[in-house]
Protein backbone atom coordinates (compact mmCIF):
# COMPACT_ATOMS: atom_id res chain seq x y z
CA MET A 1 93.29 182.86 53.55
CA LYS A 2 91.36 183.17 56.78
CA LYS A 3 90.96 186.20 59.04
CA LEU A 4 90.77 185.74 62.81
CA LYS A 5 90.51 188.18 65.68
CA ILE A 6 92.10 188.09 69.11
CA LEU A 7 90.00 186.54 71.87
CA LEU A 8 92.81 186.33 74.40
CA GLY A 9 95.72 188.70 74.16
CA ILE A 10 99.13 187.76 75.47
CA SER A 11 99.45 184.77 77.73
CA ALA A 12 102.88 185.81 78.88
CA ILE A 13 106.21 187.04 77.65
CA ALA A 14 109.11 184.66 78.18
CA VAL A 15 112.80 184.91 77.41
CA ALA A 16 113.91 181.66 75.84
CA GLY A 17 117.54 181.20 76.80
CA PHE A 18 117.64 177.81 78.47
CA PHE A 19 114.13 177.41 79.86
CA MET A 20 111.25 179.75 80.58
CA VAL A 21 107.63 179.10 81.46
CA ALA A 22 104.47 181.11 81.94
CA ALA A 23 101.17 179.86 83.31
CA ASP A 24 97.69 181.36 83.18
CA HIS A 25 95.00 178.85 84.23
CA ILE A 26 91.36 179.94 83.85
CA ASP A 27 91.92 183.49 85.08
CA ALA A 28 91.05 185.45 81.94
CA PRO A 29 87.30 186.10 82.31
CA ALA A 30 86.55 186.36 78.59
CA VAL A 31 87.81 182.88 77.81
CA ALA A 32 87.97 181.01 81.13
CA GLY A 33 87.13 177.37 80.57
CA GLY A 34 86.79 177.90 76.83
CA THR A 35 88.56 176.31 73.91
CA SER A 36 90.88 179.31 73.46
CA ASP A 37 91.96 179.44 77.11
CA ILE A 38 95.76 179.35 77.38
CA THR A 39 97.11 177.46 80.40
CA ASP A 40 100.89 177.35 79.89
CA PHE A 41 103.56 178.39 77.44
CA TYR A 42 107.08 176.96 77.53
CA ALA A 43 110.18 177.71 75.48
CA PHE A 44 113.43 175.85 76.00
CA ARG A 45 116.45 174.37 74.31
CA ALA A 46 115.46 170.98 72.92
CA GLN A 47 117.22 167.67 73.46
CA ASP A 48 118.89 168.42 70.16
CA GLN A 49 120.69 171.55 71.37
CA ASP A 50 120.59 173.03 67.88
CA ASN A 51 116.80 173.33 68.22
CA ILE A 52 114.35 175.35 70.33
CA ALA A 53 111.12 173.73 71.54
CA PHE A 54 107.92 175.73 72.00
CA VAL A 55 105.03 174.20 73.97
CA ALA A 56 101.58 175.79 73.85
CA ASN A 57 98.95 174.35 76.20
CA VAL A 58 95.25 175.18 76.04
CA GLN A 59 91.99 173.97 77.62
CA GLY A 60 93.27 173.24 81.10
CA LEU A 61 91.79 171.25 84.00
CA LEU A 62 90.58 168.43 81.76
CA SER A 63 89.71 165.32 83.71
CA PRO A 64 90.86 161.96 82.29
CA THR A 65 87.25 161.33 81.26
CA ALA A 66 86.98 164.67 79.51
CA SER A 67 90.38 164.23 77.90
CA ALA A 68 89.20 161.22 75.95
CA SER A 69 86.77 163.37 73.97
CA ALA A 70 88.51 166.77 74.14
CA GLN A 71 89.36 168.27 70.77
CA PHE A 72 91.23 171.29 69.51
CA ASP A 73 88.78 173.94 68.34
CA GLU A 74 89.09 174.33 64.56
CA ASN A 75 87.97 177.94 64.92
CA VAL A 76 90.90 178.83 67.17
CA LEU A 77 94.29 179.81 65.81
CA VAL A 78 97.26 179.32 68.15
CA GLU A 79 100.03 181.79 67.37
CA ILE A 80 103.59 181.80 68.75
CA ASN A 81 105.23 185.23 68.49
CA ILE A 82 109.03 185.49 68.43
CA ASP A 83 110.99 188.72 68.91
CA THR A 84 114.61 188.30 67.86
CA ASP A 85 115.94 191.85 68.35
CA ALA A 86 114.70 192.73 71.87
CA ASP A 87 112.22 195.42 70.84
CA THR A 88 109.20 193.38 72.08
CA VAL A 89 107.70 193.42 68.60
CA GLU A 90 107.21 190.06 66.90
CA ASP A 91 109.67 189.37 64.06
CA LEU A 92 108.60 185.78 63.41
CA LEU A 93 105.36 183.84 63.77
CA ILE A 94 104.47 180.19 64.08
CA GLN A 95 100.77 179.45 63.52
CA ALA A 96 98.91 176.26 64.39
CA VAL A 97 95.34 175.33 63.54
CA ALA A 98 93.46 172.03 63.71
CA ARG A 99 91.55 170.51 60.81
CA ASP A 100 89.93 167.05 60.58
CA GLY A 101 92.10 165.30 63.16
CA LYS A 102 95.35 166.94 62.08
CA MET A 103 97.34 169.93 63.35
CA TYR A 104 98.69 172.24 60.66
CA VAL A 105 101.75 174.20 61.72
CA PHE A 106 102.87 177.10 59.50
CA GLY A 107 106.27 178.72 59.87
CA PRO A 108 108.32 180.14 61.28
CA PHE A 109 107.88 183.06 58.90
CA ALA A 110 108.38 186.83 58.96
CA ALA A 111 105.50 188.40 60.89
CA GLY A 112 104.65 191.20 58.45
CA SER A 113 100.94 191.70 57.83
CA SER A 114 100.05 188.38 59.47
CA ALA A 115 100.67 189.86 62.92
CA GLY A 116 98.31 192.02 64.96
CA LEU A 117 94.68 191.90 65.99
CA ASN A 118 93.45 190.43 62.71
CA SER A 119 95.75 187.59 61.76
CA THR A 120 95.84 185.92 58.39
CA ILE A 121 96.89 182.29 58.29
CA ASN A 122 99.98 182.27 56.12
CA THR A 123 99.20 179.28 53.93
CA SER A 124 102.31 179.96 51.85
CA ALA A 125 104.63 179.48 54.84
CA PRO A 126 106.52 176.19 55.37
CA LEU A 127 104.00 173.61 56.55
CA THR A 128 104.35 170.77 59.04
CA VAL A 129 101.29 168.49 59.38
CA VAL A 130 100.87 166.00 62.21
CA ASP A 131 98.03 163.66 63.17
CA ILE A 132 96.56 164.69 66.52
CA THR A 133 97.47 162.05 69.11
CA GLY A 134 94.48 160.52 70.87
CA TYR A 135 94.15 160.27 74.63
CA ASN A 136 96.28 157.40 76.04
CA ASP A 137 97.77 156.76 72.58
CA ALA A 138 101.49 156.72 71.86
CA ALA A 139 102.75 160.13 70.80
CA VAL A 140 102.55 160.83 67.06
CA THR A 141 105.10 163.31 65.73
CA ALA A 142 105.91 164.64 62.27
CA THR A 143 108.89 166.41 60.75
CA ASN A 144 109.05 168.73 57.76
CA ALA A 145 111.92 167.21 55.80
CA SER A 146 112.74 170.49 54.06
CA ASN A 147 113.32 172.67 57.14
CA GLY A 148 113.56 170.28 60.11
CA VAL A 149 110.54 171.62 62.01
CA LYS A 150 108.94 168.93 64.21
CA ALA A 151 105.42 168.94 65.62
CA PHE A 152 103.14 167.14 68.08
CA ALA A 153 99.56 167.82 69.15
CA GLY A 154 97.32 166.06 71.65
CA PRO A 155 96.24 165.73 75.29
CA ARG A 156 98.96 165.48 77.93
CA ASP A 157 99.24 165.66 81.71
CA ASP A 158 99.30 169.26 82.95
CA PRO A 159 102.98 169.90 83.73
CA PHE A 160 102.39 172.96 85.89
CA TYR A 161 102.72 172.39 89.68
CA PHE A 162 100.96 174.88 91.92
CA ASP A 163 99.40 174.72 95.38
CA PHE A 164 96.51 176.94 94.36
CA ASP A 165 94.40 176.45 97.50
CA GLN A 166 97.28 177.44 99.78
CA TYR A 167 97.98 180.40 97.53
CA ASN A 168 94.41 181.62 98.08
CA GLU A 169 94.82 181.14 101.84
CA ILE A 170 97.98 183.27 101.75
CA LEU A 171 96.18 186.02 99.84
CA ALA A 172 93.34 185.92 102.38
CA GLY A 173 95.78 186.30 105.28
CA ASN A 174 95.00 182.86 106.68
CA ALA A 175 98.42 181.28 106.16
CA PRO A 176 101.14 183.29 107.94
CA GLY A 177 103.56 180.43 107.41
CA GLY A 178 103.35 180.75 103.64
CA PHE A 179 103.46 177.72 101.35
CA ASN A 180 103.64 174.18 102.70
CA ASN A 181 106.59 171.93 101.97
CA PRO A 182 105.55 169.81 100.23
CA GLY A 183 102.51 171.53 98.85
CA THR A 184 99.49 170.02 97.15
CA ASP A 185 99.45 170.22 93.37
CA LYS A 186 96.04 171.57 92.39
CA PHE A 187 96.54 170.40 88.81
CA ALA A 188 97.53 166.82 89.60
CA GLY A 189 95.46 164.34 87.59
CA THR A 190 94.29 166.94 85.07
CA ASN A 191 95.25 167.30 81.45
CA VAL A 192 95.73 169.99 78.83
CA LEU A 193 95.76 170.00 75.05
CA SER A 194 99.36 170.51 73.94
CA ILE A 195 100.95 171.74 70.76
CA VAL A 196 104.71 171.20 70.61
CA VAL A 197 106.82 172.72 67.84
CA GLU A 198 110.58 172.11 67.68
CA VAL A 199 112.45 174.53 65.44
CA PRO A 200 116.11 174.61 64.35
CA LYS A 201 117.83 177.68 65.77
CA THR A 202 118.99 178.56 62.26
CA LEU A 203 115.37 179.35 61.38
CA ILE A 204 115.07 181.76 64.32
CA GLY A 205 118.26 183.80 63.98
CA GLY A 206 118.82 186.81 66.24
CA THR A 207 121.56 187.36 68.78
CA GLY A 208 120.97 184.22 70.85
CA THR A 209 118.26 185.50 73.23
CA ILE A 210 114.67 185.80 72.12
CA ASN A 211 111.42 187.05 73.58
CA THR A 212 108.44 184.86 72.83
CA TRP A 213 104.76 184.92 73.73
CA LEU A 214 101.58 183.07 72.87
CA GLU A 215 98.19 184.23 71.60
CA THR A 216 94.97 182.46 70.72
CA LYS A 217 92.67 183.98 68.10
CA SER A 218 89.20 183.00 67.01
CA LYS A 219 86.71 183.78 64.29
């Protein structure tokens, strides 16, 4: 059992009906550019429509050169919170932590005492273990045969499109015409470290709409 404390609070709250996304690139001063920095969080109905996919991205703005040596921090716990009854309190957790070239994904499991500022890794929860995919390698995935949870972890192209420079010009009052069409993707050619967890809807429950958010926690 391992205690961790919050370094970065909530990346964003998203409602996972069909597709929701939240992005937060290097704008949290306490963790900007660090190994616990959350860039994006996605939740959407998977290709198998009986499943929900959760995508947690950390360590943004990695160049291709940096991506080749980038690693998940073994001292950082990535925690997906799921609220199934619309009270904005987590009912279920999915925890992911890297060890020796593998990503260990625990859950989903009832939040209970594992939630909050000091999380305990629930080592008794259902476990899915996947080898971390190397940069430019074919994707490695793993499935827990007992509950159908699937997992992937490794560097991937940053999927978030944003004309950040034009955005700053708009804020400064220098762009009365607003955004350009097309804009310039500030994140083009950069990578993130991704953790993807696909979960059968039967393990989530609830009324059909969930709230979900992402936290990173560190020793």
